[in-house]
């Protein structure tokens, strides 16, 4: 949950809203 919320805040600042999500 923290990964998602904090990554979203960082990426949206850079204008990024669409990502490839890598995990198991």
PDBML (XML) file of the C-alpha atoms, coordinates in Angstrom:
<?xml version="1.0" encoding="UTF-8" ?>
<PDBx:datablock datablockName="MODEL"
   xmlns:PDBx="http://pdbml.pdb.org/schema/pdbx-v50.xsd"
   xmlns:xsi="http://www.w3.org/2001/XMLSchema-instance"
   xsi:schemaLocation="http://pdbml.pdb.org/schema/pdbx-v50.xsd pdbx-v50.xsd">
   <PDBx:atom_siteCategory>
      <PDBx:atom_site id="1">
         <PDBx:B_iso_or_equiv>0.00</PDBx:B_iso_or_equiv>
         <PDBx:Cartn_x>0.000</PDBx:Cartn_x>
         <PDBx:Cartn_y>0.000</PDBx:Cartn_y>
         <PDBx:Cartn_z>0.000</PDBx:Cartn_z>
         <PDBx:auth_asym_id>A</PDBx:auth_asym_id>
         <PDBx:auth_atom_id>CA</PDBx:auth_atom_id>
         <PDBx:auth_comp_id>UNK</PDBx:auth_comp_id>
         <PDBx:auth_seq_id>1</PDBx:auth_seq_id>
         <PDBx:group_PDB>ATOM</PDBx:group_PDB>
         <PDBx:label_alt_id xsi:nil="true" />
         <PDBx:label_asym_id>A</PDBx:label_asym_id>
         <PDBx:label_atom_id>CA</PDBx:label_atom_id>
         <PDBx:label_comp_id>UNK</PDBx:label_comp_id>
         <PDBx:label_entity_id>1</PDBx:label_entity_id>
         <PDBx:label_seq_id>1</PDBx:label_seq_id>
         <PDBx:occupancy>1.00</PDBx:occupancy>
         <PDBx:pdbx_PDB_model_num>1</PDBx:pdbx_PDB_model_num>
         <PDBx:type_symbol>C</PDBx:type_symbol>
      </PDBx:atom_site>
      <PDBx:atom_site id="2">
         <PDBx:B_iso_or_equiv>0.00</PDBx:B_iso_or_equiv>
         <PDBx:Cartn_x>2.818</PDBx:Cartn_x>
         <PDBx:Cartn_y>2.387</PDBx:Cartn_y>
         <PDBx:Cartn_z>0.876</PDBx:Cartn_z>
         <PDBx:auth_asym_id>A</PDBx:auth_asym_id>
         <PDBx:auth_atom_id>CA</PDBx:auth_atom_id>
         <PDBx:auth_comp_id>UNK</PDBx:auth_comp_id>
         <PDBx:auth_seq_id>2</PDBx:auth_seq_id>
         <PDBx:group_PDB>ATOM</PDBx:group_PDB>
         <PDBx:label_alt_id xsi:nil="true" />
         <PDBx:label_asym_id>A</PDBx:label_asym_id>
         <PDBx:label_atom_id>CA</PDBx:label_atom_id>
         <PDBx:label_comp_id>UNK</PDBx:label_comp_id>
         <PDBx:label_entity_id>1</PDBx:label_entity_id>
         <PDBx:label_seq_id>2</PDBx:label_seq_id>
         <PDBx:occupancy>1.00</PDBx:occupancy>
         <PDBx:pdbx_PDB_model_num>1</PDBx:pdbx_PDB_model_num>
         <PDBx:type_symbol>C</PDBx:type_symbol>
      </PDBx:atom_site>
      <PDBx:atom_site id="3">
         <PDBx:B_iso_or_equiv>0.00</PDBx:B_iso_or_equiv>
         <PDBx:Cartn_x>4.646</PDBx:Cartn_x>
         <PDBx:Cartn_y>1.393</PDBx:Cartn_y>
         <PDBx:Cartn_z>-2.311</PDBx:Cartn_z>
         <PDBx:auth_asym_id>A</PDBx:auth_asym_id>
         <PDBx:auth_atom_id>CA</PDBx:auth_atom_id>
         <PDBx:auth_comp_id>UNK</PDBx:auth_comp_id>
         <PDBx:auth_seq_id>3</PDBx:auth_seq_id>
         <PDBx:group_PDB>ATOM</PDBx:group_PDB>
         <PDBx:label_alt_id xsi:nil="true" />
         <PDBx:label_asym_id>A</PDBx:label_asym_id>
         <PDBx:label_atom_id>CA</PDBx:label_atom_id>
         <PDBx:label_comp_id>UNK</PDBx:label_comp_id>
         <PDBx:label_entity_id>1</PDBx:label_entity_id>
         <PDBx:label_seq_id>3</PDBx:label_seq_id>
         <PDBx:occupancy>1.00</PDBx:occupancy>
         <PDBx:pdbx_PDB_model_num>1</PDBx:pdbx_PDB_model_num>
         <PDBx:type_symbol>C</PDBx:type_symbol>
      </PDBx:atom_site>
      <PDBx:atom_site id="4">
         <PDBx:B_iso_or_equiv>0.00</PDBx:B_iso_or_equiv>
         <PDBx:Cartn_x>1.623</PDBx:Cartn_x>
         <PDBx:Cartn_y>2.416</PDBx:Cartn_y>
         <PDBx:Cartn_z>-4.344</PDBx:Cartn_z>
         <PDBx:auth_asym_id>A</PDBx:auth_asym_id>
         <PDBx:auth_atom_id>CA</PDBx:auth_atom_id>
         <PDBx:auth_comp_id>UNK</PDBx:auth_comp_id>
         <PDBx:auth_seq_id>4</PDBx:auth_seq_id>
         <PDBx:group_PDB>ATOM</PDBx:group_PDB>
         <PDBx:label_alt_id xsi:nil="true" />
         <PDBx:label_asym_id>A</PDBx:label_asym_id>
         <PDBx:label_atom_id>CA</PDBx:label_atom_id>
         <PDBx:label_comp_id>UNK</PDBx:label_comp_id>
         <PDBx:label_entity_id>1</PDBx:label_entity_id>
         <PDBx:label_seq_id>4</PDBx:label_seq_id>
         <PDBx:occupancy>1.00</PDBx:occupancy>
         <PDBx:pdbx_PDB_model_num>1</PDBx:pdbx_PDB_model_num>
         <PDBx:type_symbol>C</PDBx:type_symbol>
      </PDBx:atom_site>
      <PDBx:atom_site id="5">
         <PDBx:B_iso_or_equiv>0.00</PDBx:B_iso_or_equiv>
         <PDBx:Cartn_x>0.760</PDBx:Cartn_x>
         <PDBx:Cartn_y>5.666</PDBx:Cartn_y>
         <PDBx:Cartn_z>-2.548</PDBx:Cartn_z>
         <PDBx:auth_asym_id>A</PDBx:auth_asym_id>
         <PDBx:auth_atom_id>CA</PDBx:auth_atom_id>
         <PDBx:auth_comp_id>UNK</PDBx:auth_comp_id>
         <PDBx:auth_seq_id>5</PDBx:auth_seq_id>
         <PDBx:group_PDB>ATOM</PDBx:group_PDB>
         <PDBx:label_alt_id xsi:nil="true" />
         <PDBx:label_asym_id>A</PDBx:label_asym_id>
         <PDBx:label_atom_id>CA</PDBx:label_atom_id>
         <PDBx:label_comp_id>UNK</PDBx:label_comp_id>
         <PDBx:label_entity_id>1</PDBx:label_entity_id>
         <PDBx:label_seq_id>5</PDBx:label_seq_id>
         <PDBx:occupancy>1.00</PDBx:occupancy>
         <PDBx:pdbx_PDB_model_num>1</PDBx:pdbx_PDB_model_num>
         <PDBx:type_symbol>C</PDBx:type_symbol>
      </PDBx:atom_site>
      <PDBx:atom_site id="6">
         <PDBx:B_iso_or_equiv>0.00</PDBx:B_iso_or_equiv>
         <PDBx:Cartn_x>4.323</PDBx:Cartn_x>
         <PDBx:Cartn_y>6.963</PDBx:Cartn_y>
         <PDBx:Cartn_z>-2.331</PDBx:Cartn_z>
         <PDBx:auth_asym_id>A</PDBx:auth_asym_id>
         <PDBx:auth_atom_id>CA</PDBx:auth_atom_id>
         <PDBx:auth_comp_id>UNK</PDBx:auth_comp_id>
         <PDBx:auth_seq_id>6</PDBx:auth_seq_id>
         <PDBx:group_PDB>ATOM</PDBx:group_PDB>
         <PDBx:label_alt_id xsi:nil="true" />
         <PDBx:label_asym_id>A</PDBx:label_asym_id>
         <PDBx:label_atom_id>CA</PDBx:label_atom_id>
         <PDBx:label_comp_id>UNK</PDBx:label_comp_id>
         <PDBx:label_entity_id>1</PDBx:label_entity_id>
         <PDBx:label_seq_id>6</PDBx:label_seq_id>
         <PDBx:occupancy>1.00</PDBx:occupancy>
         <PDBx:pdbx_PDB_model_num>1</PDBx:pdbx_PDB_model_num>
         <PDBx:type_symbol>C</PDBx:type_symbol>
      </PDBx:atom_site>
      <PDBx:atom_site id="7">
         <PDBx:B_iso_or_equiv>0.00</PDBx:B_iso_or_equiv>
         <PDBx:Cartn_x>5.272</PDBx:Cartn_x>
         <PDBx:Cartn_y>5.879</PDBx:Cartn_y>
         <PDBx:Cartn_z>-5.839</PDBx:Cartn_z>
         <PDBx:auth_asym_id>A</PDBx:auth_asym_id>
         <PDBx:auth_atom_id>CA</PDBx:auth_atom_id>
         <PDBx:auth_comp_id>UNK</PDBx:auth_comp_id>
         <PDBx:auth_seq_id>7</PDBx:auth_seq_id>
         <PDBx:group_PDB>ATOM</PDBx:group_PDB>
         <PDBx:label_alt_id xsi:nil="true" />
         <PDBx:label_asym_id>A</PDBx:label_asym_id>
         <PDBx:label_atom_id>CA</PDBx:label_atom_id>
         <PDBx:label_comp_id>UNK</PDBx:label_comp_id>
         <PDBx:label_entity_id>1</PDBx:label_entity_id>
         <PDBx:label_seq_id>7</PDBx:label_seq_id>
         <PDBx:occupancy>1.00</PDBx:occupancy>
         <PDBx:pdbx_PDB_model_num>1</PDBx:pdbx_PDB_model_num>
         <PDBx:type_symbol>C</PDBx:type_symbol>
      </PDBx:atom_site>
      <PDBx:atom_site id="8">
         <PDBx:B_iso_or_equiv>0.00</PDBx:B_iso_or_equiv>
         <PDBx:Cartn_x>2.139</PDBx:Cartn_x>
         <PDBx:Cartn_y>7.547</PDBx:Cartn_y>
         <PDBx:Cartn_z>-7.219</PDBx:Cartn_z>
         <PDBx:auth_asym_id>A</PDBx:auth_asym_id>
         <PDBx:auth_atom_id>CA</PDBx:auth_atom_id>
         <PDBx:auth_comp_id>UNK</PDBx:auth_comp_id>
         <PDBx:auth_seq_id>8</PDBx:auth_seq_id>
         <PDBx:group_PDB>ATOM</PDBx:group_PDB>
         <PDBx:label_alt_id xsi:nil="true" />
         <PDBx:label_asym_id>A</PDBx:label_asym_id>
         <PDBx:label_atom_id>CA</PDBx:label_atom_id>
         <PDBx:label_comp_id>UNK</PDBx:label_comp_id>
         <PDBx:label_entity_id>1</PDBx:label_entity_id>
         <PDBx:label_seq_id>8</PDBx:label_seq_id>
         <PDBx:occupancy>1.00</PDBx:occupancy>
         <PDBx:pdbx_PDB_model_num>1</PDBx:pdbx_PDB_model_num>
         <PDBx:type_symbol>C</PDBx:type_symbol>
      </PDBx:atom_site>
      <PDBx:atom_site id="9">
         <PDBx:B_iso_or_equiv>0.00</PDBx:B_iso_or_equiv>
         <PDBx:Cartn_x>3.004</PDBx:Cartn_x>
         <PDBx:Cartn_y>10.825</PDBx:Cartn_y>
         <PDBx:Cartn_z>-5.508</PDBx:Cartn_z>
         <PDBx:auth_asym_id>A</PDBx:auth_asym_id>
         <PDBx:auth_atom_id>CA</PDBx:auth_atom_id>
         <PDBx:auth_comp_id>UNK</PDBx:auth_comp_id>
         <PDBx:auth_seq_id>9</PDBx:auth_seq_id>
         <PDBx:group_PDB>ATOM</PDBx:group_PDB>
         <PDBx:label_alt_id xsi:nil="true" />
         <PDBx:label_asym_id>A</PDBx:label_asym_id>
         <PDBx:label_atom_id>CA</PDBx:label_atom_id>
         <PDBx:label_comp_id>UNK</PDBx:label_comp_id>
         <PDBx:label_entity_id>1</PDBx:label_entity_id>
         <PDBx:label_seq_id>9</PDBx:label_seq_id>
         <PDBx:occupancy>1.00</PDBx:occupancy>
         <PDBx:pdbx_PDB_model_num>1</PDBx:pdbx_PDB_model_num>
         <PDBx:type_symbol>C</PDBx:type_symbol>
      </PDBx:atom_site>
      <PDBx:atom_site id="10">
         <PDBx:B_iso_or_equiv>0.00</PDBx:B_iso_or_equiv>
         <PDBx:Cartn_x>6.550</PDBx:Cartn_x>
         <PDBx:Cartn_y>10.727</PDBx:Cartn_y>
         <PDBx:Cartn_z>-6.897</PDBx:Cartn_z>
         <PDBx:auth_asym_id>A</PDBx:auth_asym_id>
         <PDBx:auth_atom_id>CA</PDBx:auth_atom_id>
         <PDBx:auth_comp_id>UNK</PDBx:auth_comp_id>
         <PDBx:auth_seq_id>10</PDBx:auth_seq_id>
         <PDBx:group_PDB>ATOM</PDBx:group_PDB>
         <PDBx:label_alt_id xsi:nil="true" />
         <PDBx:label_asym_id>A</PDBx:label_asym_id>
         <PDBx:label_atom_id>CA</PDBx:label_atom_id>
         <PDBx:label_comp_id>UNK</PDBx:label_comp_id>
         <PDBx:label_entity_id>1</PDBx:label_entity_id>
         <PDBx:label_seq_id>10</PDBx:label_seq_id>
         <PDBx:occupancy>1.00</PDBx:occupancy>
         <PDBx:pdbx_PDB_model_num>1</PDBx:pdbx_PDB_model_num>
         <PDBx:type_symbol>C</PDBx:type_symbol>
      </PDBx:atom_site>
      <PDBx:atom_site id="11">
         <PDBx:B_iso_or_equiv>0.00</PDBx:B_iso_or_equiv>
         <PDBx:Cartn_x>5.503</PDBx:Cartn_x>
         <PDBx:Cartn_y>9.781</PDBx:Cartn_y>
         <PDBx:Cartn_z>-10.422</PDBx:Cartn_z>
         <PDBx:auth_asym_id>A</PDBx:auth_asym_id>
         <PDBx:auth_atom_id>CA</PDBx:auth_atom_id>
         <PDBx:auth_comp_id>UNK</PDBx:auth_comp_id>
         <PDBx:auth_seq_id>11</PDBx:auth_seq_id>
         <PDBx:group_PDB>ATOM</PDBx:group_PDB>
         <PDBx:label_alt_id xsi:nil="true" />
         <PDBx:label_asym_id>A</PDBx:label_asym_id>
         <PDBx:label_atom_id>CA</PDBx:label_atom_id>
         <PDBx:label_comp_id>UNK</PDBx:label_comp_id>
         <PDBx:label_entity_id>1</PDBx:label_entity_id>
         <PDBx:label_seq_id>11</PDBx:label_seq_id>
         <PDBx:occupancy>1.00</PDBx:occupancy>
         <PDBx:pdbx_PDB_model_num>1</PDBx:pdbx_PDB_model_num>
         <PDBx:type_symbol>C</PDBx:type_symbol>
      </PDBx:atom_site>
      <PDBx:atom_site id="12">
         <PDBx:B_iso_or_equiv>0.00</PDBx:B_iso_or_equiv>
         <PDBx:Cartn_x>2.608</PDBx:Cartn_x>
         <PDBx:Cartn_y>12.223</PDBx:Cartn_y>
         <PDBx:Cartn_z>-10.693</PDBx:Cartn_z>
         <PDBx:auth_asym_id>A</PDBx:auth_asym_id>
         <PDBx:auth_atom_id>CA</PDBx:auth_atom_id>
         <PDBx:auth_comp_id>UNK</PDBx:auth_comp_id>
         <PDBx:auth_seq_id>12</PDBx:auth_seq_id>
         <PDBx:group_PDB>ATOM</PDBx:group_PDB>
         <PDBx:label_alt_id xsi:nil="true" />
         <PDBx:label_asym_id>A</PDBx:label_asym_id>
         <PDBx:label_atom_id>CA</PDBx:label_atom_id>
         <PDBx:label_comp_id>UNK</PDBx:label_comp_id>
         <PDBx:label_entity_id>1</PDBx:label_entity_id>
         <PDBx:label_seq_id>12</PDBx:label_seq_id>
         <PDBx:occupancy>1.00</PDBx:occupancy>
         <PDBx:pdbx_PDB_model_num>1</PDBx:pdbx_PDB_model_num>
         <PDBx:type_symbol>C</PDBx:type_symbol>
      </PDBx:atom_site>
      <PDBx:atom_site id="13">
         <PDBx:B_iso_or_equiv>0.00</PDBx:B_iso_or_equiv>
         <PDBx:Cartn_x>5.013</PDBx:Cartn_x>
         <PDBx:Cartn_y>15.039</PDBx:Cartn_y>
         <PDBx:Cartn_z>-9.845</PDBx:Cartn_z>
         <PDBx:auth_asym_id>A</PDBx:auth_asym_id>
         <PDBx:auth_atom_id>CA</PDBx:auth_atom_id>
         <PDBx:auth_comp_id>UNK</PDBx:auth_comp_id>
         <PDBx:auth_seq_id>13</PDBx:auth_seq_id>
         <PDBx:group_PDB>ATOM</PDBx:group_PDB>
         <PDBx:label_alt_id xsi:nil="true" />
         <PDBx:label_asym_id>A</PDBx:label_asym_id>
         <PDBx:label_atom_id>CA</PDBx:label_atom_id>
         <PDBx:label_comp_id>UNK</PDBx:label_comp_id>
         <PDBx:label_entity_id>1</PDBx:label_entity_id>
         <PDBx:label_seq_id>13</PDBx:label_seq_id>
         <PDBx:occupancy>1.00</PDBx:occupancy>
         <PDBx:pdbx_PDB_model_num>1</PDBx:pdbx_PDB_model_num>
         <PDBx:type_symbol>C</PDBx:type_symbol>
      </PDBx:atom_site>
      <PDBx:atom_site id="14">
         <PDBx:B_iso_or_equiv>0.00</PDBx:B_iso_or_equiv>
         <PDBx:Cartn_x>6.961</PDBx:Cartn_x>
         <PDBx:Cartn_y>13.947</PDBx:Cartn_y>
         <PDBx:Cartn_z>-12.923</PDBx:Cartn_z>
         <PDBx:auth_asym_id>A</PDBx:auth_asym_id>
         <PDBx:auth_atom_id>CA</PDBx:auth_atom_id>
         <PDBx:auth_comp_id>UNK</PDBx:auth_comp_id>
         <PDBx:auth_seq_id>14</PDBx:auth_seq_id>
         <PDBx:group_PDB>ATOM</PDBx:group_PDB>
         <PDBx:label_alt_id xsi:nil="true" />
         <PDBx:label_asym_id>A</PDBx:label_asym_id>
         <PDBx:label_atom_id>CA</PDBx:label_atom_id>
         <PDBx:label_comp_id>UNK</PDBx:label_comp_id>
         <PDBx:label_entity_id>1</PDBx:label_entity_id>
         <PDBx:label_seq_id>14</PDBx:label_seq_id>
         <PDBx:occupancy>1.00</PDBx:occupancy>
         <PDBx:pdbx_PDB_model_num>1</PDBx:pdbx_PDB_model_num>
         <PDBx:type_symbol>C</PDBx:type_symbol>
      </PDBx:atom_site>
      <PDBx:atom_site id="15">
         <PDBx:B_iso_or_equiv>0.00</PDBx:B_iso_or_equiv>
         <PDBx:Cartn_x>3.784</PDBx:Cartn_x>
         <PDBx:Cartn_y>13.791</PDBx:Cartn_y>
         <PDBx:Cartn_z>-15.028</PDBx:Cartn_z>
         <PDBx:auth_asym_id>A</PDBx:auth_asym_id>
         <PDBx:auth_atom_id>CA</PDBx:auth_atom_id>
         <PDBx:auth_comp_id>UNK</PDBx:auth_comp_id>
         <PDBx:auth_seq_id>15</PDBx:auth_seq_id>
         <PDBx:group_PDB>ATOM</PDBx:group_PDB>
         <PDBx:label_alt_id xsi:nil="true" />
         <PDBx:label_asym_id>A</PDBx:label_asym_id>
         <PDBx:label_atom_id>CA</PDBx:label_atom_id>
         <PDBx:label_comp_id>UNK</PDBx:label_comp_id>
         <PDBx:label_entity_id>1</PDBx:label_entity_id>
         <PDBx:label_seq_id>15</PDBx:label_seq_id>
         <PDBx:occupancy>1.00</PDBx:occupancy>
         <PDBx:pdbx_PDB_model_num>1</PDBx:pdbx_PDB_model_num>
         <PDBx:type_symbol>C</PDBx:type_symbol>
      </PDBx:atom_site>
      <PDBx:atom_site id="16">
         <PDBx:B_iso_or_equiv>0.00</PDBx:B_iso_or_equiv>
         <PDBx:Cartn_x>3.641</PDBx:Cartn_x>
         <PDBx:Cartn_y>9.979</PDBx:Cartn_y>
         <PDBx:Cartn_z>-15.079</PDBx:Cartn_z>
         <PDBx:auth_asym_id>A</PDBx:auth_asym_id>
         <PDBx:auth_atom_id>CA</PDBx:auth_atom_id>
         <PDBx:auth_comp_id>UNK</PDBx:auth_comp_id>
         <PDBx:auth_seq_id>16</PDBx:auth_seq_id>
         <PDBx:group_PDB>ATOM</PDBx:group_PDB>
         <PDBx:label_alt_id xsi:nil="true" />
         <PDBx:label_asym_id>A</PDBx:label_asym_id>
         <PDBx:label_atom_id>CA</PDBx:label_atom_id>
         <PDBx:label_comp_id>UNK</PDBx:label_comp_id>
         <PDBx:label_entity_id>1</PDBx:label_entity_id>
         <PDBx:label_seq_id>16</PDBx:label_seq_id>
         <PDBx:occupancy>1.00</PDBx:occupancy>
         <PDBx:pdbx_PDB_model_num>1</PDBx:pdbx_PDB_model_num>
         <PDBx:type_symbol>C</PDBx:type_symbol>
      </PDBx:atom_site>
      <PDBx:atom_site id="17">
         <PDBx:B_iso_or_equiv>0.00</PDBx:B_iso_or_equiv>
         <PDBx:Cartn_x>0.251</PDBx:Cartn_x>
         <PDBx:Cartn_y>8.276</PDBx:Cartn_y>
         <PDBx:Cartn_z>-14.689</PDBx:Cartn_z>
         <PDBx:auth_asym_id>A</PDBx:auth_asym_id>
         <PDBx:auth_atom_id>CA</PDBx:auth_atom_id>
         <PDBx:auth_comp_id>UNK</PDBx:auth_comp_id>
         <PDBx:auth_seq_id>17</PDBx:auth_seq_id>
         <PDBx:group_PDB>ATOM</PDBx:group_PDB>
         <PDBx:label_alt_id xsi:nil="true" />
         <PDBx:label_asym_id>A</PDBx:label_asym_id>
         <PDBx:label_atom_id>CA</PDBx:label_atom_id>
         <PDBx:label_comp_id>UNK</PDBx:label_comp_id>
         <PDBx:label_entity_id>1</PDBx:label_entity_id>
         <PDBx:label_seq_id>17</PDBx:label_seq_id>
         <PDBx:occupancy>1.00</PDBx:occupancy>
         <PDBx:pdbx_PDB_model_num>1</PDBx:pdbx_PDB_model_num>
         <PDBx:type_symbol>C</PDBx:type_symbol>
      </PDBx:atom_site>
      <PDBx:atom_site id="18">
         <PDBx:B_iso_or_equiv>0.00</PDBx:B_iso_or_equiv>
         <PDBx:Cartn_x>0.608</PDBx:Cartn_x>
         <PDBx:Cartn_y>5.041</PDBx:Cartn_y>
         <PDBx:Cartn_z>-16.687</PDBx:Cartn_z>
         <PDBx:auth_asym_id>A</PDBx:auth_asym_id>
         <PDBx:auth_atom_id>CA</PDBx:auth_atom_id>
         <PDBx:auth_comp_id>UNK</PDBx:auth_comp_id>
         <PDBx:auth_seq_id>18</PDBx:auth_seq_id>
         <PDBx:group_PDB>ATOM</PDBx:group_PDB>
         <PDBx:label_alt_id xsi:nil="true" />
         <PDBx:label_asym_id>A</PDBx:label_asym_id>
         <PDBx:label_atom_id>CA</PDBx:label_atom_id>
         <PDBx:label_comp_id>UNK</PDBx:label_comp_id>
         <PDBx:label_entity_id>1</PDBx:label_entity_id>
         <PDBx:label_seq_id>18</PDBx:label_seq_id>
         <PDBx:occupancy>1.00</PDBx:occupancy>
         <PDBx:pdbx_PDB_model_num>1</PDBx:pdbx_PDB_model_num>
         <PDBx:type_symbol>C</PDBx:type_symbol>
      </PDBx:atom_site>
      <PDBx:atom_site id="19">
         <PDBx:B_iso_or_equiv>0.00</PDBx:B_iso_or_equiv>
         <PDBx:Cartn_x>3.103</PDBx:Cartn_x>
         <PDBx:Cartn_y>2.395</PDBx:Cartn_y>
         <PDBx:Cartn_z>-15.583</PDBx:Cartn_z>
         <PDBx:auth_asym_id>A</PDBx:auth_asym_id>
         <PDBx:auth_atom_id>CA</PDBx:auth_atom_id>
         <PDBx:auth_comp_id>UNK</PDBx:auth_comp_id>
         <PDBx:auth_seq_id>19</PDBx:auth_seq_id>
         <PDBx:group_PDB>ATOM</PDBx:group_PDB>
         <PDBx:label_alt_id xsi:nil="true" />
         <PDBx:label_asym_id>A</PDBx:label_asym_id>
         <PDBx:label_atom_id>CA</PDBx:label_atom_id>
         <PDBx:label_comp_id>UNK</PDBx:label_comp_id>
         <PDBx:label_entity_id>1</PDBx:label_entity_id>
         <PDBx:label_seq_id>19</PDBx:label_seq_id>
         <PDBx:occupancy>1.00</PDBx:occupancy>
         <PDBx:pdbx_PDB_model_num>1</PDBx:pdbx_PDB_model_num>
         <PDBx:type_symbol>C</PDBx:type_symbol>
      </PDBx:atom_site>
      <PDBx:atom_site id="20">
         <PDBx:B_iso_or_equiv>0.00</PDBx:B_iso_or_equiv>
         <PDBx:Cartn_x>4.195</PDBx:Cartn_x>
         <PDBx:Cartn_y>-1.178</PDBx:Cartn_y>
         <PDBx:Cartn_z>-16.065</PDBx:Cartn_z>
         <PDBx:auth_asym_id>A</PDBx:auth_asym_id>
         <PDBx:auth_atom_id>CA</PDBx:auth_atom_id>
         <PDBx:auth_comp_id>UNK</PDBx:auth_comp_id>
         <PDBx:auth_seq_id>20</PDBx:auth_seq_id>
         <PDBx:group_PDB>ATOM</PDBx:group_PDB>
         <PDBx:label_alt_id xsi:nil="true" />
         <PDBx:label_asym_id>A</PDBx:label_asym_id>
         <PDBx:label_atom_id>CA</PDBx:label_atom_id>
         <PDBx:label_comp_id>UNK</PDBx:label_comp_id>
         <PDBx:label_entity_id>1</PDBx:label_entity_id>
         <PDBx:label_seq_id>20</PDBx:label_seq_id>
         <PDBx:occupancy>1.00</PDBx:occupancy>
         <PDBx:pdbx_PDB_model_num>1</PDBx:pdbx_PDB_model_num>
         <PDBx:type_symbol>C</PDBx:type_symbol>
      </PDBx:atom_site>
      <PDBx:atom_site id="21">
         <PDBx:B_iso_or_equiv>0.00</PDBx:B_iso_or_equiv>
         <PDBx:Cartn_x>4.058</PDBx:Cartn_x>
         <PDBx:Cartn_y>-2.856</PDBx:Cartn_y>
         <PDBx:Cartn_z>-12.671</PDBx:Cartn_z>
         <PDBx:auth_asym_id>A</PDBx:auth_asym_id>
         <PDBx:auth_atom_id>CA</PDBx:auth_atom_id>
         <PDBx:auth_comp_id>UNK</PDBx:auth_comp_id>
         <PDBx:auth_seq_id>21</PDBx:auth_seq_id>
         <PDBx:group_PDB>ATOM</PDBx:group_PDB>
         <PDBx:label_alt_id xsi:nil="true" />
         <PDBx:label_asym_id>A</PDBx:label_asym_id>
         <PDBx:label_atom_id>CA</PDBx:label_atom_id>
         <PDBx:label_comp_id>UNK</PDBx:label_comp_id>
         <PDBx:label_entity_id>1</PDBx:label_entity_id>
         <PDBx:label_seq_id>21</PDBx:label_seq_id>
         <PDBx:occupancy>1.00</PDBx:occupancy>
         <PDBx:pdbx_PDB_model_num>1</PDBx:pdbx_PDB_model_num>
         <PDBx:type_symbol>C</PDBx:type_symbol>
      </PDBx:atom_site>
      <PDBx:atom_site id="22">
         <PDBx:B_iso_or_equiv>0.00</PDBx:B_iso_or_equiv>
         <PDBx:Cartn_x>6.660</PDBx:Cartn_x>
         <PDBx:Cartn_y>-5.555</PDBx:Cartn_y>
         <PDBx:Cartn_z>-11.989</PDBx:Cartn_z>
         <PDBx:auth_asym_id>A</PDBx:auth_asym_id>
         <PDBx:auth_atom_id>CA</PDBx:auth_atom_id>
         <PDBx:auth_comp_id>UNK</PDBx:auth_comp_id>
         <PDBx:auth_seq_id>22</PDBx:auth_seq_id>
         <PDBx:group_PDB>ATOM</PDBx:group_PDB>
         <PDBx:label_alt_id xsi:nil="true" />
         <PDBx:label_asym_id>A</PDBx:label_asym_id>
         <PDBx:label_atom_id>CA</PDBx:label_atom_id>
         <PDBx:label_comp_id>UNK</PDBx:label_comp_id>
         <PDBx:label_entity_id>1</PDBx:label_entity_id>
         <PDBx:label_seq_id>22</PDBx:label_seq_id>
         <PDBx:occupancy>1.00</PDBx:occupancy>
         <PDBx:pdbx_PDB_model_num>1</PDBx:pdbx_PDB_model_num>
         <PDBx:type_symbol>C</PDBx:type_symbol>
      </PDBx:atom_site>
      <PDBx:atom_site id="23">
         <PDBx:B_iso_or_equiv>0.00</PDBx:B_iso_or_equiv>
         <PDBx:Cartn_x>6.186</PDBx:Cartn_x>
         <PDBx:Cartn_y>-8.032</PDBx:Cartn_y>
         <PDBx:Cartn_z>-9.158</PDBx:Cartn_z>
         <PDBx:auth_asym_id>A</PDBx:auth_asym_id>
         <PDBx:auth_atom_id>CA</PDBx:auth_atom_id>
         <PDBx:auth_comp_id>UNK</PDBx:auth_comp_id>
         <PDBx:auth_seq_id>23</PDBx:auth_seq_id>
         <PDBx:group_PDB>ATOM</PDBx:group_PDB>
         <PDBx:label_alt_id xsi:nil="true" />
         <PDBx:label_asym_id>A</PDBx:label_asym_id>
         <PDBx:label_atom_id>CA</PDBx:label_atom_id>
         <PDBx:label_comp_id>UNK</PDBx:label_comp_id>
         <PDBx:label_entity_id>1</PDBx:label_entity_id>
         <PDBx:label_seq_id>23</PDBx:label_seq_id>
         <PDBx:occupancy>1.00</PDBx:occupancy>
         <PDBx:pdbx_PDB_model_num>1</PDBx:pdbx_PDB_model_num>
         <PDBx:type_symbol>C</PDBx:type_symbol>
      </PDBx:atom_site>
      <PDBx:atom_site id="24">
         <PDBx:B_iso_or_equiv>0.00</PDBx:B_iso_or_equiv>
         <PDBx:Cartn_x>5.700</PDBx:Cartn_x>
         <PDBx:Cartn_y>-11.771</PDBx:Cartn_y>
         <PDBx:Cartn_z>-8.606</PDBx:Cartn_z>
         <PDBx:auth_asym_id>A</PDBx:auth_asym_id>
         <PDBx:auth_atom_id>CA</PDBx:auth_atom_id>
         <PDBx:auth_comp_id>UNK</PDBx:auth_comp_id>
         <PDBx:auth_seq_id>24</PDBx:auth_seq_id>
         <PDBx:group_PDB>ATOM</PDBx:group_PDB>
         <PDBx:label_alt_id xsi:nil="true" />
         <PDBx:label_asym_id>A</PDBx:label_asym_id>
         <PDBx:label_atom_id>CA</PDBx:label_atom_id>
         <PDBx:label_comp_id>UNK</PDBx:label_comp_id>
         <PDBx:label_entity_id>1</PDBx:label_entity_id>
         <PDBx:label_seq_id>24</PDBx:label_seq_id>
         <PDBx:occupancy>1.00</PDBx:occupancy>
         <PDBx:pdbx_PDB_model_num>1</PDBx:pdbx_PDB_model_num>
         <PDBx:type_symbol>C</PDBx:type_symbol>
      </PDBx:atom_site>
   </PDBx:atom_siteCategory>
</PDBx:datablock>
